[in-house]
Amino acid sequence: MISTPRAVMTENFIPPIRQPIDRSPTSQTIGSIVRLATHETVFMEGDDAQSLYRVMAGAVRLCKILPGGRRLITDFAFKDDQFGLELDAHHKVTAETIGPTVLLRTRRCPPMQQEQTEFHDNIVDALRRDLSAAQAHVVILGHPEARARVAAFLMSMIRRLSAGHPHTIDLPMSRQDIADHLCLTIETVCRSLSELRRAHVIDIPSRHRIVIKDVNSLETMTTGEE
């Protein structure tokens, strides 16, 4: 696995983003903006958990190296998702940017009363998202067939990434990232996607874009009723 550099504050780097960064007073009162390039490390497993992060633009993968050296991606964080919340003092996973990314970094223990209220709300949101993501990942890995795992992954991406375009998903992650998230090989992921395309369930106009042509069939594959 190629090591990635530590995240640093970059004064001059401005990633190409489609969405405007939220610079409202609420978003800025308890945090600072961090701009990161592709494949930078936000924090490492075992680092002190001093901050909570919100994705303002871009995407982040949360991963863990298993015994034997295999990487497991436990979750992805997209725009408006929060990550980095820990129940104790150290991070349990490593966070890496997938592409150019802008984060709002919030102090773990804000001193002011207003900041404490906002931070409490952020923690509740983060807990809800982490619990939902963990449950979804367990369900996906519970599918014994590779194609069912890939179908379940695409269904989850429809809910998270297709706002405004319910049949189109722009995936920021690589096929290897998907494989490491689903506990499959990259060859199996590519083969499963090709099978779905031949079955006219999806189309793949470009490497990172998936068009869902038959969402009912895709959902049926996730229930084992096909």
C-alpha atoms as a PDB file:
ATOM      1  CA  MET A   1       0.000   0.000   0.000  1.00  0.00           C
ATOM      2  CA  ILE A   2       1.382   3.377  -0.983  1.00  0.00           C
ATOM      3  CA  SER A   3       1.811   5.643   2.029  1.00  0.00           C
ATOM      4  CA  THR A   4       0.125   9.004   1.915  1.00  0.00           C
ATOM      5  CA  PRO A   5       1.404  12.302   3.289  1.00  0.00           C
ATOM      6  CA  ARG A   6      -0.035  13.882   6.385  1.00  0.00           C
ATOM      7  CA  ALA A   7      -2.703  16.485   5.909  1.00  0.00           C
ATOM      8  CA  VAL A   8      -1.450  20.054   6.057  1.00  0.00           C
ATOM      9  CA  MET A   9      -3.067  23.469   5.844  1.00  0.00           C
ATOM     10  CA  THR A  10      -2.456  24.768   2.322  1.00  0.00           C
ATOM     11  CA  GLU A  11      -2.821  28.496   1.939  1.00  0.00           C
ATOM     12  CA  ASN A  12      -2.737  28.686  -1.864  1.00  0.00           C
ATOM     13  CA  PHE A  13      -4.352  25.420  -2.900  1.00  0.00           C
ATOM     14  CA  ILE A  14      -7.998  25.781  -3.948  1.00  0.00           C
ATOM     15  CA  PRO A  15      -9.537  22.528  -5.216  1.00  0.00           C
ATOM     16  CA  PRO A  16     -11.967  22.636  -8.137  1.00  0.00           C
ATOM     17  CA  ILE A  17     -15.372  22.246  -6.500  1.00  0.00           C
ATOM     18  CA  ARG A  18     -18.843  22.510  -7.957  1.00  0.00           C
ATOM     19  CA  GLN A  19     -20.634  23.446  -4.774  1.00  0.00           C
ATOM     20  CA  PRO A  20     -19.919  26.767  -3.019  1.00  0.00           C
ATOM     21  CA  ILE A  21     -18.339  26.418   0.403  1.00  0.00           C
ATOM     22  CA  ASP A  22     -20.694  27.232   3.256  1.00  0.00           C
ATOM     23  CA  ARG A  23     -19.178  30.327   4.843  1.00  0.00           C
ATOM     24  CA  SER A  24     -22.181  31.280   6.963  1.00  0.00           C
ATOM     25  CA  PRO A  25     -21.474  32.449  10.538  1.00  0.00           C
ATOM     26  CA  THR A  26     -22.803  29.179  11.949  1.00  0.00           C
ATOM     27  CA  SER A  27     -20.389  27.089   9.919  1.00  0.00           C
ATOM     28  CA  GLN A  28     -17.405  29.221  10.894  1.00  0.00           C
ATOM     29  CA  THR A  29     -17.944  29.999  14.582  1.00  0.00           C
ATOM     30  CA  ILE A  30     -16.543  26.754  15.940  1.00  0.00           C
ATOM     31  CA  GLY A  31     -14.213  25.536  13.227  1.00  0.00           C
ATOM     32  CA  SER A  32     -11.563  26.246  10.630  1.00  0.00           C
ATOM     33  CA  ILE A  33     -11.436  25.435   6.930  1.00  0.00           C
ATOM     34  CA  VAL A  34      -8.831  22.865   5.830  1.00  0.00           C
ATOM     35  CA  ARG A  35      -8.086  22.409   2.115  1.00  0.00           C
ATOM     36  CA  LEU A  36      -6.485  19.136   1.078  1.00  0.00           C
ATOM     37  CA  ALA A  37      -5.204  17.647  -2.171  1.00  0.00           C
ATOM     38  CA  THR A  38      -5.897  14.122  -3.467  1.00  0.00           C
ATOM     39  CA  HIS A  39      -4.766  11.189  -1.286  1.00  0.00           C
ATOM     40  CA  GLU A  40      -3.801  13.278   1.723  1.00  0.00           C
ATOM     41  CA  THR A  41      -4.198  11.866   5.219  1.00  0.00           C
ATOM     42  CA  VAL A  42      -6.573  13.730   7.512  1.00  0.00           C
ATOM     43  CA  PHE A  43      -5.647  11.587  10.518  1.00  0.00           C
ATOM     44  CA  MET A  44      -4.115   8.181  11.145  1.00  0.00           C
ATOM     45  CA  GLU A  45      -5.427   5.290  13.181  1.00  0.00           C
ATOM     46  CA  GLY A  46      -4.103   5.807  16.704  1.00  0.00           C
ATOM     47  CA  ASP A  47      -3.829   9.594  16.437  1.00  0.00           C
ATOM     48  CA  ASP A  48      -5.334  11.729  19.175  1.00  0.00           C
ATOM     49  CA  ALA A  49      -9.008  12.389  18.398  1.00  0.00           C
ATOM     50  CA  GLN A  50      -8.979  16.136  18.919  1.00  0.00           C
ATOM     51  CA  SER A  51     -11.405  17.290  16.210  1.00  0.00           C
ATOM     52  CA  LEU A  52     -14.621  16.531  14.386  1.00  0.00           C
ATOM     53  CA  TYR A  53     -14.705  17.052  10.612  1.00  0.00           C
ATOM     54  CA  ARG A  54     -17.448  17.974   8.143  1.00  0.00           C
ATOM     55  CA  VAL A  55     -16.955  17.531   4.394  1.00  0.00           C
ATOM     56  CA  MET A  56     -17.669  20.821   2.653  1.00  0.00           C
ATOM     57  CA  ALA A  57     -16.561  19.583  -0.776  1.00  0.00           C
ATOM     58  CA  GLY A  58     -14.888  16.423  -2.067  1.00  0.00           C
ATOM     59  CA  ALA A  59     -14.878  12.991  -0.415  1.00  0.00           C
ATOM     60  CA  VAL A  60     -12.996  11.007   2.254  1.00  0.00           C
ATOM     61  CA  ARG A  61     -12.479   7.291   2.792  1.00  0.00           C
ATOM     62  CA  LEU A  62     -12.258   5.829   6.300  1.00  0.00           C
ATOM     63  CA  CYS A  63     -10.089   2.741   6.355  1.00  0.00           C
ATOM     64  CA  LYS A  64      -8.317   0.245   8.590  1.00  0.00           C
ATOM     65  CA  ILE A  65      -5.412  -2.090   7.862  1.00  0.00           C
ATOM     66  CA  LEU A  66      -6.295  -5.634   8.903  1.00  0.00           C
ATOM     67  CA  PRO A  67      -3.876  -8.316  10.109  1.00  0.00           C
ATOM     68  CA  GLY A  68      -2.051  -9.561   7.028  1.00  0.00           C
ATOM     69  CA  GLY A  69      -1.979  -6.122   5.451  1.00  0.00           C
ATOM     70  CA  ARG A  70      -5.354  -6.044   3.725  1.00  0.00           C
ATOM     71  CA  ARG A  71      -7.173  -2.710   3.731  1.00  0.00           C
ATOM     72  CA  LEU A  72     -10.817  -2.473   4.814  1.00  0.00           C
ATOM     73  CA  ILE A  73     -12.693   0.712   3.956  1.00  0.00           C
ATOM     74  CA  THR A  74     -15.338   1.013   6.640  1.00  0.00           C
ATOM     75  CA  ASP A  75     -17.144   3.997   5.128  1.00  0.00           C
ATOM     76  CA  PHE A  76     -16.999   6.994   2.812  1.00  0.00           C
ATOM     77  CA  ALA A  77     -17.755  10.575   3.820  1.00  0.00           C
ATOM     78  CA  PHE A  78     -19.301  12.848   1.181  1.00  0.00           C
ATOM     79  CA  LYS A  79     -20.446  16.479   1.134  1.00  0.00           C
ATOM     80  CA  ASP A  80     -22.102  17.490   4.450  1.00  0.00           C
ATOM     81  CA  ASP A  81     -21.123  14.196   6.123  1.00  0.00           C
ATOM     82  CA  GLN A  82     -19.284  14.400   9.447  1.00  0.00           C
ATOM     83  CA  PHE A  83     -16.554  12.026  10.595  1.00  0.00           C
ATOM     84  CA  GLY A  84     -13.825  11.707  13.211  1.00  0.00           C
ATOM     85  CA  LEU A  85     -16.039  11.272  16.269  1.00  0.00           C
ATOM     86  CA  GLU A  86     -14.562   8.779  18.764  1.00  0.00           C
ATOM     87  CA  LEU A  87     -15.773   7.533  22.130  1.00  0.00           C
ATOM     88  CA  ASP A  88     -12.256   7.630  23.560  1.00  0.00           C
ATOM     89  CA  ALA A  89      -9.098   9.642  22.962  1.00  0.00           C
ATOM     90  CA  HIS A  90      -7.765   8.000  19.801  1.00  0.00           C
ATOM     91  CA  HIS A  91      -8.959   7.400  16.246  1.00  0.00           C
ATOM     92  CA  LYS A  92      -9.885   3.822  15.339  1.00  0.00           C
ATOM     93  CA  VAL A  93      -9.486   4.318  11.577  1.00  0.00           C
ATOM     94  CA  THR A  94      -7.427   6.332   9.118  1.00  0.00           C
ATOM     95  CA  ALA A  95      -9.110   9.101   7.089  1.00  0.00           C
ATOM     96  CA  GLU A  96      -7.784   9.885   3.594  1.00  0.00           C
ATOM     97  CA  THR A  97      -9.038  12.224   0.891  1.00  0.00           C
ATOM     98  CA  ILE A  98     -10.217  10.614  -2.347  1.00  0.00           C
ATOM     99  CA  GLY A  99      -9.817  13.793  -4.381  1.00  0.00           C
ATOM    100  CA  PRO A 100      -9.338  17.524  -3.712  1.00  0.00           C
ATOM    101  CA  THR A 101     -11.324  18.097  -0.532  1.00  0.00           C
ATOM    102  CA  VAL A 102     -12.425  20.946   1.731  1.00  0.00           C
ATOM    103  CA  LEU A 103     -13.148  20.162   5.386  1.00  0.00           C
ATOM    104  CA  LEU A 104     -14.547  22.115   8.302  1.00  0.00           C
ATOM    105  CA  ARG A 105     -12.496  21.098  11.342  1.00  0.00           C
ATOM    106  CA  THR A 106     -14.203  21.580  14.722  1.00  0.00           C
ATOM    107  CA  ARG A 107     -12.491  21.507  18.088  1.00  0.00           C
ATOM    108  CA  ARG A 108     -13.520  18.556  20.235  1.00  0.00           C
ATOM    109  CA  CYS A 109     -14.063  20.697  23.352  1.00  0.00           C
ATOM    110  CA  PRO A 110     -15.143  24.216  22.351  1.00  0.00           C
ATOM    111  CA  PRO A 111     -14.860  26.675  25.257  1.00  0.00           C
ATOM    112  CA  MET A 112     -17.754  29.069  24.594  1.00  0.00           C
ATOM    113  CA  GLN A 113     -21.408  28.313  25.422  1.00  0.00           C
ATOM    114  CA  GLN A 114     -22.641  28.956  21.872  1.00  0.00           C
ATOM    115  CA  GLU A 115     -19.867  26.784  20.477  1.00  0.00           C
ATOM    116  CA  GLN A 116     -20.740  24.009  22.944  1.00  0.00           C
ATOM    117  CA  THR A 117     -24.366  24.015  21.764  1.00  0.00           C
ATOM    118  CA  GLU A 118     -23.379  23.842  18.108  1.00  0.00           C
ATOM    119  CA  PHE A 119     -20.778  21.166  18.838  1.00  0.00           C
ATOM    120  CA  HIS A 120     -23.395  19.088  20.674  1.00  0.00           C
ATOM    121  CA  ASP A 121     -25.640  19.239  17.600  1.00  0.00           C
ATOM    122  CA  ASN A 122     -22.708  18.184  15.421  1.00  0.00           C
ATOM    123  CA  ILE A 123     -22.004  15.213  17.676  1.00  0.00           C
ATOM    124  CA  VAL A 124     -25.622  14.039  17.492  1.00  0.00           C
ATOM    125  CA  ASP A 125     -25.545  14.273  13.697  1.00  0.00           C
ATOM    126  CA  ALA A 126     -22.247  12.396  13.555  1.00  0.00           C
ATOM    127  CA  LEU A 127     -23.513   9.636  15.856  1.00  0.00           C
ATOM    128  CA  ARG A 128     -26.619   9.156  13.721  1.00  0.00           C
ATOM    129  CA  ARG A 129     -24.594   8.958  10.526  1.00  0.00           C
ATOM    130  CA  ASP A 130     -21.986   6.594  11.988  1.00  0.00           C
ATOM    131  CA  LEU A 131     -24.663   4.242  13.322  1.00  0.00           C
ATOM    132  CA  SER A 132     -26.569   4.264  10.039  1.00  0.00           C
ATOM    133  CA  ALA A 133     -23.388   3.677   8.035  1.00  0.00           C
ATOM    134  CA  ALA A 134     -22.274   0.822  10.286  1.00  0.00           C
ATOM    135  CA  GLN A 135     -25.648  -0.910   9.998  1.00  0.00           C
ATOM    136  CA  ALA A 136     -25.679  -0.488   6.215  1.00  0.00           C
ATOM    137  CA  HIS A 137     -22.156  -1.899   5.906  1.00  0.00           C
ATOM    138  CA  VAL A 138     -23.033  -4.955   7.983  1.00  0.00           C
ATOM    139  CA  VAL A 139     -26.067  -5.602   5.781  1.00  0.00           C
ATOM    140  CA  ILE A 140     -23.996  -5.267   2.606  1.00  0.00           C
ATOM    141  CA  LEU A 141     -21.310  -7.672   3.847  1.00  0.00           C
ATOM    142  CA  GLY A 142     -24.036 -10.116   4.850  1.00  0.00           C
ATOM    143  CA  HIS A 143     -24.777 -10.864   1.187  1.00  0.00           C
ATOM    144  CA  PRO A 144     -22.947 -14.081   0.214  1.00  0.00           C
ATOM    145  CA  GLU A 145     -22.893 -13.287  -3.513  1.00  0.00           C
ATOM    146  CA  ALA A 146     -20.572 -10.658  -4.931  1.00  0.00           C
ATOM    147  CA  ARG A 147     -23.156  -9.253  -7.342  1.00  0.00           C
ATOM    148  CA  ALA A 148     -25.618  -8.765  -4.485  1.00  0.00           C
ATOM    149  CA  ARG A 149     -22.967  -6.839  -2.519  1.00  0.00           C
ATOM    150  CA  VAL A 150     -22.260  -4.598  -5.500  1.00  0.00           C
ATOM    151  CA  ALA A 151     -25.997  -4.067  -6.037  1.00  0.00           C
ATOM    152  CA  ALA A 152     -26.466  -3.160  -2.355  1.00  0.00           C
ATOM    153  CA  PHE A 153     -23.540  -0.753  -2.570  1.00  0.00           C
ATOM    154  CA  LEU A 154     -25.067   0.964  -5.608  1.00  0.00           C
ATOM    155  CA  MET A 155     -28.425   1.235  -3.832  1.00  0.00           C
ATOM    156  CA  SER A 156     -26.707   2.929  -0.887  1.00  0.00           C
ATOM    157  CA  MET A 157     -24.936   5.325  -3.268  1.00  0.00           C
ATOM    158  CA  ILE A 158     -28.274   6.194  -4.891  1.00  0.00           C
ATOM    159  CA  ARG A 159     -29.484   7.402  -1.500  1.00  0.00           C
ATOM    160  CA  ARG A 160     -26.310   9.338  -0.748  1.00  0.00           C
ATOM    161  CA  LEU A 161     -25.079  10.707  -4.083  1.00  0.00           C
ATOM    162  CA  SER A 162     -27.939  11.003  -6.555  1.00  0.00           C
ATOM    163  CA  ALA A 163     -29.762  14.066  -5.186  1.00  0.00           C
ATOM    164  CA  GLY A 164     -31.514  15.787  -8.074  1.00  0.00           C
ATOM    165  CA  HIS A 165     -30.561  12.981 -10.478  1.00  0.00           C
ATOM    166  CA  PRO A 166     -32.165   9.805  -9.066  1.00  0.00           C
ATOM    167  CA  HIS A 167     -30.869   7.539 -11.832  1.00  0.00           C
ATOM    168  CA  THR A 168     -27.299   8.850 -12.093  1.00  0.00           C
ATOM    169  CA  ILE A 169     -24.465   8.306  -9.604  1.00  0.00           C
ATOM    170  CA  ASP A 170     -21.072   9.991  -9.875  1.00  0.00           C
ATOM    171  CA  LEU A 171     -18.768   7.811  -7.802  1.00  0.00           C
ATOM    172  CA  PRO A 172     -15.681   9.643  -6.520  1.00  0.00           C
ATOM    173  CA  MET A 173     -13.956   6.456  -5.400  1.00  0.00           C
ATOM    174  CA  SER A 174     -11.961   3.954  -7.465  1.00  0.00           C
ATOM    175  CA  ARG A 175     -12.905   0.360  -8.200  1.00  0.00           C
ATOM    176  CA  GLN A 176     -10.217  -0.680  -5.703  1.00  0.00           C
ATOM    177  CA  ASP A 177     -11.870   1.457  -3.031  1.00  0.00           C
ATOM    178  CA  ILE A 178     -15.203  -0.230  -3.751  1.00  0.00           C
ATOM    179  CA  ALA A 179     -13.550  -3.649  -3.539  1.00  0.00           C
ATOM    180  CA  ASP A 180     -11.926  -2.832  -0.198  1.00  0.00           C
ATOM    181  CA  HIS A 181     -15.276  -1.595   1.114  1.00  0.00           C
ATOM    182  CA  LEU A 182     -17.118  -4.751   0.030  1.00  0.00           C
ATOM    183  CA  CYS A 183     -14.349  -7.226   1.012  1.00  0.00           C
ATOM    184  CA  LEU A 184     -14.013  -8.331  -2.617  1.00  0.00           C
ATOM    185  CA  THR A 185     -11.222  -8.249  -5.182  1.00  0.00           C
ATOM    186  CA  ILE A 186     -11.116  -5.507  -7.795  1.00  0.00           C
ATOM    187  CA  GLU A 187     -11.579  -8.156 -10.486  1.00  0.00           C
ATOM    188  CA  THR A 188     -14.790  -9.368  -8.828  1.00  0.00           C
ATOM    189  CA  VAL A 189     -16.154  -5.822  -8.569  1.00  0.00           C
ATOM    190  CA  CYS A 190     -15.412  -5.119 -12.243  1.00  0.00           C
ATOM    191  CA  ARG A 191     -16.961  -8.435 -13.296  1.00  0.00           C
ATOM    192  CA  SER A 192     -20.099  -7.788 -11.222  1.00  0.00           C
ATOM    193  CA  LEU A 193     -20.536  -4.319 -12.729  1.00  0.00           C
ATOM    194  CA  SER A 194     -20.118  -5.787 -16.219  1.00  0.00           C
ATOM    195  CA  GLU A 195     -22.767  -8.412 -15.454  1.00  0.00           C
ATOM    196  CA  LEU A 196     -25.185  -5.715 -14.301  1.00  0.00           C
ATOM    197  CA  ARG A 197     -24.519  -3.741 -17.473  1.00  0.00           C
ATOM    198  CA  ARG A 198     -25.087  -6.774 -19.712  1.00  0.00           C
ATOM    199  CA  ALA A 199     -28.356  -7.399 -17.874  1.00  0.00           C
ATOM    200  CA  HIS A 200     -29.381  -3.787 -18.691  1.00  0.00           C
ATOM    201  CA  VAL A 201     -29.697  -2.984 -14.995  1.00  0.00           C
ATOM    202  CA  ILE A 202     -27.053  -0.253 -15.180  1.00  0.00           C
ATOM    203  CA  ASP A 203     -25.050   1.633 -17.769  1.00  0.00           C
ATOM    204  CA  ILE A 204     -21.473   2.863 -17.328  1.00  0.00           C
ATOM    205  CA  PRO A 205     -20.950   5.858 -19.644  1.00  0.00           C
ATOM    206  CA  SER A 206     -17.659   6.724 -17.910  1.00  0.00           C
ATOM    207  CA  ARG A 207     -15.454   5.172 -15.264  1.00  0.00           C
ATOM    208  CA  HIS A 208     -16.928   7.156 -12.385  1.00  0.00           C
ATOM    209  CA  ARG A 209     -20.520   7.520 -13.604  1.00  0.00           C
ATOM    210  CA  ILE A 210     -23.189   4.847 -13.138  1.00  0.00           C
ATOM    211  CA  VAL A 211     -26.646   5.224 -14.686  1.00  0.00           C
ATOM    212  CA  ILE A 212     -29.337   3.079 -13.063  1.00  0.00           C
ATOM    213  CA  LYS A 213     -31.636   1.751 -15.780  1.00  0.00           C
ATOM    214  CA  ASP A 214     -33.673  -0.720 -13.697  1.00  0.00           C
ATOM    215  CA  VAL A 215     -33.729   0.244 -10.028  1.00  0.00           C
ATOM    216  CA  ASN A 216     -36.362  -2.405  -9.208  1.00  0.00           C
ATOM    217  CA  SER A 217     -34.132  -5.222 -10.465  1.00  0.00           C
ATOM    218  CA  LEU A 218     -31.161  -3.750  -8.623  1.00  0.00           C
ATOM    219  CA  GLU A 219     -33.128  -3.633  -5.373  1.00  0.00           C
ATOM    220  CA  THR A 220     -34.413  -7.180  -5.893  1.00  0.00           C
ATOM    221  CA  MET A 221     -30.821  -8.448  -6.099  1.00  0.00           C
ATOM    222  CA  THR A 222     -30.183  -7.061  -2.618  1.00  0.00           C
ATOM    223  CA  THR A 223     -33.065  -9.042  -1.119  1.00  0.00           C
ATOM    224  CA  GLY A 224     -32.059 -12.403  -2.585  1.00  0.00           C
ATOM    225  CA  GLU A 225     -35.383 -12.748  -4.398  1.00  0.00           C
ATOM    226  CA  GLU A 226     -34.070 -12.673  -7.963  1.00  0.00           C
END
